[in-house]
Amino acid sequence: MEKQRPILHRTESLSALAYLIFLLISFGSLLVAVCCWWLADLFRPNLNKLLKLSIMSTDNKTTAPAPTTATAAATAPAPALGADGRPKTIVNVKDLPKIAFDHTMPLFALAGVNPILEQAKIYTATRQFLGRTAGSSQLGCSYYTVEKGCVGAPYHYHDANEEAIYVLEGSGTLRLGGQFMPISAGDYMSFAAPGSAAHAHQIVNTGADGKPLKYLCLSTMILPEVCTYPDTGKIGVITVGGGRNFQLFSTTSAVPYFSDEPIPPNAVPKVAAADNKSAPPPSVAAQPVKVSTDTKKPIIAPNASNTLDAKSRPKCVVASADVAPYTWNDLPQPFFAMTELITKSGKYEFSAKPLASACGAVALGATLYEVAPGKVAWLMHSHFPNEEAIFIVSGSGTLRLTTGSYAVGAGDYIALLSAKPEALPDSAHQLFNTGTEPLKYLCVSTRRSPELTTYPDSKKFGVLLPNDIDYIVFPEAARSDYWVGEPVPSVKPPTPATATAGSGGAGAGAGAAPTTK
């Protein structure tokens, strides 16, 4: 028995060591679990968004960064933030003041200028400057609210800028080119430039329900601009400074080109100077325009011959319900064909209605998108030189920018400004539907071509050629030096072609035997 004692001592020592190791492992596991719980609680908001918004990038190798928080990226300059913590390029209708015509500037004042209109109170529409507030320079966008029986603006047309209207709520009557037609929520109408009497337009809230008529007024922002008012013969001129430098002239005051011009210095007149202030000949003098001041008797009243129903409206007025939508599958294949990985992810999905194209618009693009919950329409991208903007009609989502990600919802206007070529990646954007209902938004843009587009997630860039059809995308790795692949040009003079009989050249028949039958 004495010989067994050392073995027992060794067994007891090993058991104690194993127990000690077990205690250390248990304590370490508990410490790790506590740390993990603390980190998870600390970053739970970010983790939730990461799990919900993770999408696959088109390079099939990496996962595109998903919206997390409004933390600035290290590679992009921090944006100027508004009171709501979002970039100042994102504004909401409810946060902007409603400005009436007579509150904008003395030029638009009714008091003491037109007592009849002032008393009738029909020009009491309010306007909220979305594009101007968000810093847009190429796109104009205002939110109009017109009460029952009131008018949005005088009858007019533009010579420089293409204009469009998208009706959000209510119903009314559009007076277009001397004809009257009904409009209602979902209607989109485009007014071409340069305009004419056929493009003159005016909107009146004639809805039977008595509710306000609300619409977006969109336009390009080209200067100088000339606006004509056919009812009164006025001409409006905007030079620099936009609408803040708007001047009006009456055609009844128009004068001939040389009216009141003096004889230039050092000029030698061949005849005695005539009175420069003499009246112009009748064929040149401006003819007075008869202006109606009776609000009960419009200059052009609706009647059976000039009133159209919704089905007879001109092509420039369309109902969004009548415009056929397109999806990824309707885009040119195989160029837009999804990779297997993207298809399996099931993230990229949308339904889009090309409203501006349906109207025949040229300078202003507008597409009505609908994106299902958990989906995204387009890749992360940026444009040059076109400016883009998004107005969210309904639903909610997350706007991903290079500087961070921000919550957006109904009534938000997002100005996606055109960047300089060297700053294109910093102006990239992507909109996700992170809500529980369909995300519906109107995407508008200028239509300048050629255009460059960058895709920072996959380091690609696209080129849209002037025909607006050919679109080519290159990987950044495919950049080439200027002289790569260029052949050595020939510096020798071309060898003259040898003249042959019957070639028709000069002297072709010289020395040649005459032909015989």
Protein backbone atom coordinates (compact mmCIF):
# COMPACT_ATOMS: atom_id res chain seq x y z
CA MET A 1 0.00 0.00 0.00
CA GLU A 2 2.90 2.33 0.72
CA LYS A 3 3.96 2.14 -2.90
CA GLN A 4 0.62 3.53 -4.16
CA ARG A 5 0.80 6.85 -2.21
CA PRO A 6 2.93 8.81 -4.78
CA ILE A 7 0.49 7.91 -7.55
CA LEU A 8 -2.45 9.19 -5.50
CA HIS A 9 -0.61 12.43 -4.76
CA ARG A 10 0.03 13.00 -8.48
CA THR A 11 -3.63 12.31 -9.33
CA GLU A 12 -4.82 14.82 -6.74
CA SER A 13 -2.42 17.45 -8.07
CA LEU A 14 -3.66 16.98 -11.65
CA SER A 15 -7.29 17.23 -10.53
CA ALA A 16 -6.59 20.50 -8.73
CA LEU A 17 -4.83 21.91 -11.79
CA ALA A 18 -7.71 20.92 -14.08
CA TYR A 19 -10.21 22.51 -11.69
CA LEU A 20 -8.19 25.71 -11.66
CA ILE A 21 -8.08 25.81 -15.46
CA PHE A 22 -11.84 25.24 -15.58
CA LEU A 23 -12.40 28.17 -13.21
CA LEU A 24 -10.20 30.45 -15.31
CA ILE A 25 -12.01 29.50 -18.54
CA SER A 26 -15.43 30.02 -16.92
CA PHE A 27 -14.44 33.41 -15.54
CA GLY A 28 -12.99 34.44 -18.93
CA SER A 29 -16.14 33.35 -20.76
CA LEU A 30 -18.29 35.30 -18.33
CA LEU A 31 -16.10 38.39 -18.80
CA VAL A 32 -16.31 38.10 -22.60
CA ALA A 33 -20.10 37.69 -22.42
CA VAL A 34 -20.45 40.79 -20.26
CA CYS A 35 -18.29 42.82 -22.66
CA CYS A 36 -20.26 41.60 -25.67
CA TRP A 37 -23.54 42.48 -23.98
CA TRP A 38 -22.24 45.97 -23.13
CA LEU A 39 -20.99 46.59 -26.71
CA ALA A 40 -24.22 45.26 -28.22
CA ASP A 41 -26.28 47.57 -26.02
CA LEU A 42 -24.03 50.49 -26.91
CA PHE A 43 -24.24 49.94 -30.66
CA ARG A 44 -27.71 48.35 -30.86
CA PRO A 45 -29.21 51.19 -33.05
CA ASN A 46 -26.41 50.86 -35.56
CA LEU A 47 -26.56 47.05 -35.57
CA ASN A 48 -30.30 47.08 -36.21
CA LYS A 49 -29.88 49.30 -39.24
CA LEU A 50 -26.95 47.27 -40.51
CA LEU A 51 -28.98 44.06 -40.31
CA LYS A 52 -31.97 45.71 -42.00
CA LEU A 53 -30.21 47.62 -44.75
CA SER A 54 -27.27 45.43 -45.72
CA ILE A 55 -27.17 45.12 -49.50
CA MET A 56 -24.76 43.53 -51.93
CA SER A 57 -22.57 45.71 -54.13
CA THR A 58 -22.54 45.14 -57.89
CA ASP A 59 -18.89 44.08 -57.92
CA ASN A 60 -20.01 40.69 -56.45
CA LYS A 61 -17.12 40.84 -54.00
CA THR A 62 -17.98 43.33 -51.32
CA THR A 63 -20.98 44.42 -49.31
CA ALA A 64 -21.95 48.02 -50.00
CA PRO A 65 -21.89 50.24 -46.91
CA ALA A 66 -25.42 50.39 -45.51
CA PRO A 67 -26.95 53.46 -43.89
CA THR A 68 -26.01 53.62 -40.24
CA THR A 69 -25.99 57.04 -38.60
CA ALA A 70 -25.28 60.61 -39.56
CA THR A 71 -21.59 60.15 -38.83
CA ALA A 72 -19.40 62.01 -41.30
CA ALA A 73 -17.20 59.95 -43.55
CA ALA A 74 -13.50 60.62 -43.40
CA THR A 75 -13.16 61.09 -47.16
CA ALA A 76 -15.96 63.64 -47.64
CA PRO A 77 -16.30 67.16 -46.25
CA ALA A 78 -18.85 67.54 -43.48
CA PRO A 79 -22.08 69.05 -44.83
CA ALA A 80 -23.75 72.15 -43.42
CA LEU A 81 -26.47 70.83 -41.12
CA GLY A 82 -29.89 72.32 -40.50
CA ALA A 83 -31.79 72.56 -37.22
CA ASP A 84 -33.06 68.97 -37.68
CA GLY A 85 -29.50 67.59 -37.88
CA ARG A 86 -29.77 66.82 -41.60
CA PRO A 87 -27.84 68.53 -44.43
CA LYS A 88 -29.35 71.86 -45.51
CA THR A 89 -29.99 70.31 -48.93
CA ILE A 90 -32.88 68.38 -47.30
CA VAL A 91 -35.91 70.50 -46.42
CA ASN A 92 -39.49 69.68 -45.50
CA VAL A 93 -42.59 71.57 -46.58
CA LYS A 94 -43.92 71.88 -43.04
CA ASP A 95 -40.77 73.78 -41.99
CA LEU A 96 -40.93 76.47 -44.69
CA PRO A 97 -42.92 79.72 -44.50
CA LYS A 98 -45.95 80.14 -46.76
CA ILE A 99 -45.44 83.28 -48.83
CA ALA A 100 -48.33 85.02 -50.58
CA PHE A 101 -47.93 87.05 -53.77
CA ASP A 102 -48.19 90.41 -52.04
CA HIS A 103 -45.60 89.44 -49.44
CA THR A 104 -42.69 88.59 -51.74
CA MET A 105 -41.72 92.06 -52.93
CA PRO A 106 -43.36 95.43 -53.71
CA LEU A 107 -43.54 94.49 -57.39
CA PHE A 108 -46.27 91.93 -56.61
CA ALA A 109 -48.29 94.11 -54.27
CA LEU A 110 -52.03 94.33 -55.01
CA ALA A 111 -52.84 97.13 -52.57
CA GLY A 112 -53.34 100.41 -54.41
CA VAL A 113 -52.52 98.85 -57.79
CA ASN A 114 -55.60 96.85 -58.75
CA PRO A 115 -58.45 97.49 -56.28
CA ILE A 116 -60.77 95.03 -58.04
CA LEU A 117 -58.35 92.11 -57.72
CA GLU A 118 -57.45 93.17 -54.20
CA GLN A 119 -61.10 93.08 -53.17
CA ALA A 120 -61.82 89.81 -54.99
CA LYS A 121 -58.96 88.08 -53.10
CA ILE A 122 -58.50 85.46 -55.80
CA TYR A 123 -54.71 85.76 -55.94
CA THR A 124 -54.12 84.51 -52.41
CA ALA A 125 -52.18 81.35 -53.26
CA THR A 126 -49.17 80.67 -51.04
CA ARG A 127 -45.78 79.51 -52.22
CA GLN A 128 -43.01 77.64 -50.40
CA PHE A 129 -39.57 77.80 -52.00
CA LEU A 130 -38.20 74.24 -51.81
CA GLY A 131 -35.46 74.44 -54.44
CA ARG A 132 -34.18 77.86 -53.37
CA THR A 133 -34.07 76.88 -49.68
CA ALA A 134 -32.23 73.64 -50.42
CA GLY A 135 -29.60 75.46 -52.47
CA SER A 136 -30.57 74.30 -55.97
CA SER A 137 -29.12 76.34 -58.82
CA GLN A 138 -30.27 74.43 -61.92
CA LEU A 139 -33.68 73.24 -60.72
CA GLY A 140 -36.54 75.36 -59.42
CA CYS A 141 -39.23 73.80 -57.22
CA SER A 142 -42.01 75.54 -55.31
CA TYR A 143 -44.91 74.07 -53.33
CA TYR A 144 -48.17 75.91 -54.09
CA THR A 145 -51.34 75.86 -52.01
CA VAL A 146 -54.40 77.35 -53.76
CA GLU A 147 -57.64 77.69 -51.85
CA LYS A 148 -61.11 77.08 -53.31
CA GLY A 149 -61.98 79.61 -56.04
CA CYS A 150 -58.46 81.08 -56.10
CA VAL A 151 -55.80 81.28 -58.82
CA GLY A 152 -52.18 80.17 -58.72
CA ALA A 153 -50.70 82.86 -60.99
CA PRO A 154 -51.71 85.10 -63.91
CA TYR A 155 -52.00 83.57 -67.38
CA HIS A 156 -48.42 83.40 -68.72
CA TYR A 157 -45.71 81.53 -70.63
CA HIS A 158 -41.90 81.39 -70.50
CA ASP A 159 -39.33 81.91 -73.26
CA ALA A 160 -36.20 80.48 -71.62
CA ASN A 161 -37.25 77.90 -69.04
CA GLU A 162 -39.23 74.71 -69.37
CA GLU A 163 -41.83 74.45 -66.63
CA ALA A 164 -43.86 71.57 -65.22
CA ILE A 165 -46.56 71.01 -62.60
CA TYR A 166 -47.29 67.87 -60.58
CA VAL A 167 -50.59 67.88 -58.69
CA LEU A 168 -50.29 66.43 -55.19
CA GLU A 169 -53.76 67.02 -53.73
CA GLY A 170 -57.11 68.43 -54.79
CA SER A 171 -58.54 69.25 -58.20
CA GLY A 172 -59.01 72.26 -60.42
CA THR A 173 -58.99 73.64 -63.95
CA LEU A 174 -56.01 74.22 -66.21
CA ARG A 175 -56.34 77.00 -68.77
CA LEU A 176 -53.87 76.15 -71.52
CA GLY A 177 -53.58 77.92 -74.86
CA GLY A 178 -57.12 79.30 -74.58
CA GLN A 179 -58.66 75.94 -73.64
CA PHE A 180 -59.93 74.73 -70.28
CA MET A 181 -59.45 71.20 -68.93
CA PRO A 182 -59.81 69.40 -65.57
CA ILE A 183 -56.77 68.42 -63.49
CA SER A 184 -56.52 66.36 -60.30
CA ALA A 185 -54.06 64.61 -58.00
CA GLY A 186 -51.45 62.61 -59.91
CA ASP A 187 -51.59 64.76 -63.06
CA TYR A 188 -48.31 65.97 -64.55
CA MET A 189 -48.14 68.73 -67.15
CA SER A 190 -45.20 70.14 -69.06
CA PHE A 191 -44.92 73.61 -70.64
CA ALA A 192 -42.23 73.86 -73.31
CA ALA A 193 -39.80 76.71 -73.89
CA PRO A 194 -39.47 78.87 -75.84
CA GLY A 195 -43.16 79.38 -75.31
CA SER A 196 -45.96 80.95 -77.29
CA ALA A 197 -49.64 81.73 -76.85
CA ALA A 198 -50.25 77.98 -77.23
CA HIS A 199 -48.15 77.35 -74.09
CA ALA A 200 -49.72 80.05 -71.90
CA HIS A 201 -51.18 78.49 -68.75
CA GLN A 202 -53.02 79.24 -65.54
CA ILE A 203 -54.41 77.05 -62.74
CA VAL A 204 -57.62 77.71 -60.80
CA ASN A 205 -58.96 75.72 -57.87
CA THR A 206 -62.44 74.78 -59.09
CA GLY A 207 -62.69 71.60 -57.00
CA ALA A 208 -66.19 70.75 -55.86
CA ASP A 209 -64.98 69.42 -52.51
CA GLY A 210 -63.73 72.83 -51.38
CA LYS A 211 -60.31 71.45 -50.42
CA PRO A 212 -57.05 73.28 -51.21
CA LEU A 213 -55.31 72.47 -54.48
CA LYS A 214 -51.66 71.60 -53.81
CA TYR A 215 -49.01 71.13 -56.47
CA LEU A 216 -45.30 71.25 -57.19
CA CYS A 217 -44.16 73.81 -59.76
CA LEU A 218 -40.87 72.69 -61.35
CA SER A 219 -38.62 74.44 -63.82
CA THR A 220 -35.14 74.80 -65.21
CA MET A 221 -33.27 77.92 -64.03
CA ILE A 222 -31.86 79.55 -67.14
CA LEU A 223 -31.07 83.27 -67.20
CA PRO A 224 -32.01 85.63 -68.67
CA GLU A 225 -35.70 84.80 -68.70
CA VAL A 226 -38.62 86.50 -70.43
CA CYS A 227 -42.19 85.88 -69.30
CA THR A 228 -45.22 87.00 -71.34
CA TYR A 229 -48.71 87.71 -69.97
CA PRO A 230 -51.13 87.52 -72.95
CA ASP A 231 -54.18 88.79 -71.05
CA THR A 232 -52.60 92.14 -70.29
CA GLY A 233 -49.76 92.49 -72.77
CA LYS A 234 -47.11 92.68 -70.07
CA ILE A 235 -43.56 91.40 -70.51
CA GLY A 236 -41.56 90.23 -67.49
CA VAL A 237 -37.76 90.18 -67.59
CA ILE A 238 -35.42 88.38 -65.19
CA THR A 239 -31.72 89.09 -65.67
CA VAL A 240 -29.43 88.24 -62.77
CA GLY A 241 -30.33 87.30 -59.24
CA GLY A 242 -33.28 85.13 -60.22
CA GLY A 243 -36.82 86.13 -59.28
CA ARG A 244 -35.51 88.78 -56.92
CA ASN A 245 -34.61 90.87 -59.98
CA PHE A 246 -37.92 90.65 -61.86
CA GLN A 247 -39.03 93.68 -63.91
CA LEU A 248 -42.30 94.13 -65.77
CA PHE A 249 -43.06 96.28 -68.82
CA SER A 250 -46.32 96.95 -70.63
CA THR A 251 -46.33 96.50 -74.39
CA THR A 252 -48.55 99.59 -74.56
CA SER A 253 -45.40 101.53 -73.70
CA ALA A 254 -43.23 99.90 -76.36
CA VAL A 255 -41.30 102.26 -78.63
CA PRO A 256 -39.46 101.83 -81.95
CA TYR A 257 -35.84 100.71 -81.85
CA PHE A 258 -34.35 104.16 -82.61
CA SER A 259 -36.78 106.16 -80.47
CA ASP A 260 -35.06 109.00 -78.54
CA GLU A 261 -31.62 107.98 -79.80
CA PRO A 262 -29.28 110.99 -80.16
CA ILE A 263 -26.79 111.51 -82.96
CA PRO A 264 -23.56 109.78 -81.85
CA PRO A 265 -20.58 112.02 -81.01
CA ASN A 266 -18.27 112.88 -83.92
CA ALA A 267 -20.87 111.71 -86.44
CA VAL A 268 -21.43 114.09 -89.37
CA PRO A 269 -25.12 114.19 -90.31
CA LYS A 270 -25.79 114.48 -94.01
CA VAL A 271 -29.10 116.23 -93.39
CA ALA A 272 -30.45 118.41 -90.63
CA ALA A 273 -31.11 116.55 -87.44
CA ALA A 274 -34.74 115.48 -87.08
CA ASP A 275 -36.74 115.58 -83.89
CA ASN A 276 -36.00 112.25 -82.27
CA LYS A 277 -39.15 112.52 -80.21
CA SER A 278 -41.52 112.56 -83.12
CA ALA A 279 -44.29 109.97 -83.08
CA PRO A 280 -43.50 106.69 -84.86
CA PRO A 281 -45.41 105.78 -87.99
CA PRO A 282 -48.68 103.93 -87.34
CA SER A 283 -47.26 100.66 -88.71
CA VAL A 284 -44.52 100.65 -86.06
CA ALA A 285 -46.24 102.14 -83.04
CA ALA A 286 -47.33 99.69 -80.36
CA GLN A 287 -51.04 99.04 -80.31
CA PRO A 288 -52.79 99.36 -76.93
CA VAL A 289 -53.97 96.13 -75.34
CA LYS A 290 -57.48 96.05 -73.96
CA VAL A 291 -57.35 94.85 -70.37
CA SER A 292 -60.33 93.50 -68.50
CA THR A 293 -60.66 94.58 -64.87
CA ASP A 294 -63.98 92.89 -64.21
CA THR A 295 -63.24 89.69 -62.28
CA LYS A 296 -66.75 88.41 -63.01
CA LYS A 297 -66.15 88.45 -66.74
CA PRO A 298 -62.88 86.69 -67.57
CA ILE A 299 -61.16 87.62 -70.81
CA ILE A 300 -61.68 84.06 -72.00
CA ALA A 301 -64.54 82.20 -70.38
CA PRO A 302 -65.03 78.42 -70.49
CA ASN A 303 -67.66 77.32 -72.95
CA ALA A 304 -68.62 74.28 -74.97
CA SER A 305 -66.12 75.07 -77.73
CA ASN A 306 -63.01 75.59 -75.57
CA THR A 307 -63.55 73.08 -72.74
CA LEU A 308 -61.94 69.63 -72.87
CA ASP A 309 -62.57 66.55 -70.78
CA ALA A 310 -59.78 64.54 -69.17
CA LYS A 311 -59.55 62.15 -72.13
CA SER A 312 -59.20 64.95 -74.70
CA ARG A 313 -56.37 66.86 -73.04
CA PRO A 314 -53.24 67.63 -75.10
CA LYS A 315 -50.19 65.36 -74.90
CA CYS A 316 -48.36 67.72 -72.54
CA VAL A 317 -50.88 66.86 -69.79
CA VAL A 318 -50.89 63.27 -68.52
CA ALA A 319 -52.40 61.39 -65.60
CA SER A 320 -49.78 59.33 -63.78
CA ALA A 321 -52.29 56.48 -63.61
CA ASP A 322 -52.25 56.31 -67.42
CA VAL A 323 -48.45 56.17 -67.77
CA ALA A 324 -47.07 52.64 -68.11
CA PRO A 325 -44.41 51.84 -65.48
CA TYR A 326 -41.08 50.17 -66.16
CA THR A 327 -38.82 48.00 -63.97
CA TRP A 328 -35.28 46.65 -64.12
CA ASN A 329 -36.43 43.95 -66.54
CA ASP A 330 -37.61 46.60 -69.03
CA LEU A 331 -34.21 48.31 -69.25
CA PRO A 332 -31.83 47.40 -72.11
CA GLN A 333 -30.42 43.91 -71.74
CA PRO A 334 -27.87 42.47 -71.20
CA PHE A 335 -26.39 45.81 -70.05
CA PHE A 336 -28.73 46.13 -67.04
CA ALA A 337 -28.93 42.39 -66.41
CA MET A 338 -28.30 41.64 -62.72
CA THR A 339 -25.51 39.38 -61.59
CA GLU A 340 -26.43 36.15 -59.82
CA LEU A 341 -25.39 37.57 -56.46
CA ILE A 342 -27.49 40.72 -56.87
CA THR A 343 -30.47 38.68 -58.03
CA LYS A 344 -30.24 36.46 -54.95
CA SER A 345 -30.04 39.48 -52.67
CA GLY A 346 -33.43 40.66 -53.94
CA LYS A 347 -32.68 44.23 -52.84
CA TYR A 348 -32.85 46.17 -56.12
CA GLU A 349 -36.48 46.60 -57.14
CA PHE A 350 -38.65 49.52 -58.28
CA SER A 351 -41.58 50.58 -60.44
CA ALA A 352 -41.10 53.86 -62.32
CA LYS A 353 -43.39 56.03 -64.45
CA PRO A 354 -41.57 58.40 -66.86
CA LEU A 355 -43.98 61.35 -66.60
CA ALA A 356 -41.84 63.96 -68.37
CA SER A 357 -41.08 61.65 -71.30
CA ALA A 358 -44.78 60.85 -71.61
CA CYS A 359 -45.41 64.61 -71.91
CA GLY A 360 -42.72 65.09 -74.55
CA ALA A 361 -40.59 67.26 -72.24
CA VAL A 362 -37.11 68.17 -73.43
CA ALA A 363 -35.15 70.11 -70.79
CA LEU A 364 -36.77 68.79 -67.60
CA GLY A 365 -36.96 65.15 -66.56
CA ALA A 366 -39.46 63.73 -64.05
CA THR A 367 -40.08 60.13 -63.01
CA LEU A 368 -42.52 58.87 -60.37
CA TYR A 369 -40.94 55.99 -58.40
CA GLU A 370 -42.47 53.43 -56.10
CA VAL A 371 -40.13 51.26 -54.02
CA ALA A 372 -41.34 48.41 -51.79
CA PRO A 373 -40.26 48.14 -48.12
CA GLY A 374 -36.73 46.82 -47.72
CA LYS A 375 -35.84 47.64 -51.34
CA VAL A 376 -33.66 50.20 -53.13
CA ALA A 377 -34.01 51.52 -56.68
CA TRP A 378 -30.55 52.48 -57.91
CA LEU A 379 -26.89 52.05 -57.10
CA MET A 380 -24.99 54.66 -55.12
CA HIS A 381 -24.19 57.29 -57.78
CA SER A 382 -23.58 60.94 -58.63
CA HIS A 383 -24.12 63.13 -61.73
CA PHE A 384 -22.27 65.81 -63.67
CA PRO A 385 -23.36 68.29 -65.01
CA ASN A 386 -27.05 67.56 -64.29
CA GLU A 387 -28.77 68.55 -61.07
CA GLU A 388 -31.26 66.13 -59.54
CA ALA A 389 -33.90 66.45 -56.84
CA ILE A 390 -36.32 64.14 -55.03
CA PHE A 391 -39.68 65.03 -53.50
CA ILE A 392 -41.10 62.31 -51.28
CA VAL A 393 -44.83 62.00 -51.87
CA SER A 394 -45.51 59.26 -49.30
CA GLY A 395 -43.70 56.71 -47.18
CA SER A 396 -40.35 56.95 -45.42
CA GLY A 397 -36.81 55.85 -46.02
CA THR A 398 -33.11 56.47 -45.51
CA LEU A 399 -31.02 58.70 -47.75
CA ARG A 400 -27.43 57.53 -47.97
CA LEU A 401 -24.84 60.20 -48.76
CA THR A 402 -21.05 60.03 -48.64
CA THR A 403 -21.21 62.10 -45.45
CA GLY A 404 -23.65 59.83 -43.63
CA SER A 405 -27.22 58.54 -43.72
CA TYR A 406 -30.37 60.47 -42.86
CA ALA A 407 -34.04 59.64 -42.27
CA VAL A 408 -36.44 61.12 -44.84
CA GLY A 409 -40.22 61.09 -45.17
CA ALA A 410 -43.29 62.56 -46.84
CA GLY A 411 -42.92 66.24 -47.70
CA ASP A 412 -39.13 66.14 -47.82
CA TYR A 413 -37.40 67.82 -50.77
CA ILE A 414 -33.84 66.61 -51.38
CA ALA A 415 -31.58 68.72 -53.60
CA LEU A 416 -28.88 66.54 -55.18
CA LEU A 417 -26.59 69.23 -56.47
CA SER A 418 -24.32 68.78 -59.44
CA ALA A 419 -20.70 68.46 -58.35
CA LYS A 420 -17.48 69.49 -60.00
CA PRO A 421 -15.86 66.56 -61.85
CA GLU A 422 -13.14 66.15 -59.22
CA ALA A 423 -15.75 66.02 -56.43
CA LEU A 424 -18.17 63.60 -58.10
CA PRO A 425 -17.74 60.74 -55.59
CA ASP A 426 -18.50 63.13 -52.72
CA SER A 427 -21.95 63.98 -54.14
CA ALA A 428 -23.09 60.35 -54.50
CA HIS A 429 -26.49 59.33 -53.13
CA GLN A 430 -28.78 56.33 -52.71
CA LEU A 431 -32.32 56.10 -51.33
CA PHE A 432 -33.58 53.06 -49.40
CA ASN A 433 -37.11 52.22 -48.31
CA THR A 434 -36.62 51.45 -44.63
CA GLY A 435 -40.27 52.00 -43.80
CA THR A 436 -43.20 49.63 -43.59
CA GLU A 437 -45.16 50.95 -46.61
CA PRO A 438 -44.26 51.69 -50.24
CA LEU A 439 -41.96 54.66 -50.71
CA LYS A 440 -43.34 56.95 -53.44
CA TYR A 441 -41.26 59.87 -54.71
CA LEU A 442 -40.93 62.18 -57.70
CA CYS A 443 -37.39 62.36 -59.07
CA VAL A 444 -36.72 65.41 -61.26
CA SER A 445 -33.58 66.56 -63.06
CA THR A 446 -32.17 68.74 -65.76
CA ARG A 447 -31.45 66.98 -69.07
CA ARG A 448 -28.05 68.15 -70.21
CA SER A 449 -25.86 65.81 -72.21
CA PRO A 450 -23.31 64.39 -72.44
CA GLU A 451 -23.33 63.39 -68.80
CA LEU A 452 -20.92 61.63 -66.46
CA THR A 453 -22.04 59.31 -63.64
CA THR A 454 -19.84 57.76 -60.96
CA TYR A 455 -20.49 54.64 -58.86
CA PRO A 456 -18.18 54.87 -55.81
CA ASP A 457 -19.10 51.48 -54.29
CA SER A 458 -17.77 49.59 -57.30
CA LYS A 459 -15.41 52.28 -58.65
CA LYS A 460 -17.11 52.58 -62.03
CA PHE A 461 -18.09 55.60 -64.08
CA GLY A 462 -20.68 55.96 -66.82
CA VAL A 463 -20.90 58.16 -69.90
CA LEU A 464 -24.26 59.16 -71.37
CA LEU A 465 -23.84 60.30 -74.96
CA PRO A 466 -25.84 63.21 -76.46
CA ASN A 467 -28.38 60.96 -78.16
CA ASP A 468 -29.66 60.09 -74.65
CA ILE A 469 -29.66 56.40 -75.58
CA ASP A 470 -26.07 55.14 -75.62
CA TYR A 471 -24.85 54.65 -72.05
CA ILE A 472 -21.42 53.16 -71.44
CA VAL A 473 -19.94 52.14 -68.08
CA PHE A 474 -16.23 51.62 -67.47
CA PRO A 475 -14.42 50.21 -64.43
CA GLU A 476 -12.00 52.69 -62.96
CA ALA A 477 -9.22 50.15 -63.45
CA ALA A 478 -9.73 50.47 -67.21
CA ARG A 479 -8.40 54.03 -67.29
CA SER A 480 -5.93 54.43 -70.10
CA ASP A 481 -3.11 56.81 -70.90
CA TYR A 482 -3.68 59.18 -73.79
CA TRP A 483 -1.25 57.54 -76.23
CA VAL A 484 -1.89 53.87 -75.39
CA GLY A 485 -2.66 51.84 -78.52
CA GLU A 486 -2.28 54.76 -80.92
CA PRO A 487 -0.68 53.79 -84.28
CA VAL A 488 2.20 55.73 -85.80
CA PRO A 489 0.61 58.02 -88.40
CA SER A 490 2.04 58.14 -91.89
CA VAL A 491 3.92 61.35 -92.64
CA LYS A 492 4.41 60.59 -96.33
CA PRO A 493 2.29 62.42 -98.89
CA PRO A 494 -0.41 60.25 -100.43
CA THR A 495 0.47 58.61 -103.73
CA PRO A 496 -1.71 59.99 -106.56
CA ALA A 497 -4.07 57.41 -108.02
CA THR A 498 -3.14 56.21 -111.53
CA ALA A 499 -5.68 57.40 -114.08
CA THR A 500 -7.25 54.70 -116.21
CA ALA A 501 -9.38 54.82 -119.34
CA GLY A 502 -12.99 55.43 -118.56
CA SER A 503 -12.22 56.61 -115.04
CA GLY A 504 -13.79 59.96 -115.77
CA GLY A 505 -10.75 61.90 -114.50
CA ALA A 506 -9.22 64.85 -116.29
CA GLY A 507 -7.44 63.63 -119.38
CA ALA A 508 -8.72 60.14 -118.81
CA GLY A 509 -9.10 59.59 -122.48
CA ALA A 510 -5.73 61.10 -123.48
CA GLY A 511 -3.72 58.65 -125.54
CA ALA A 512 -6.39 55.99 -125.23
CA ALA A 513 -7.69 54.24 -128.29
CA PRO A 514 -11.22 55.25 -129.19
CA THR A 515 -13.82 52.69 -128.34
CA THR A 516 -15.76 51.06 -131.18
CA LYS A 517 -18.94 49.11 -131.25
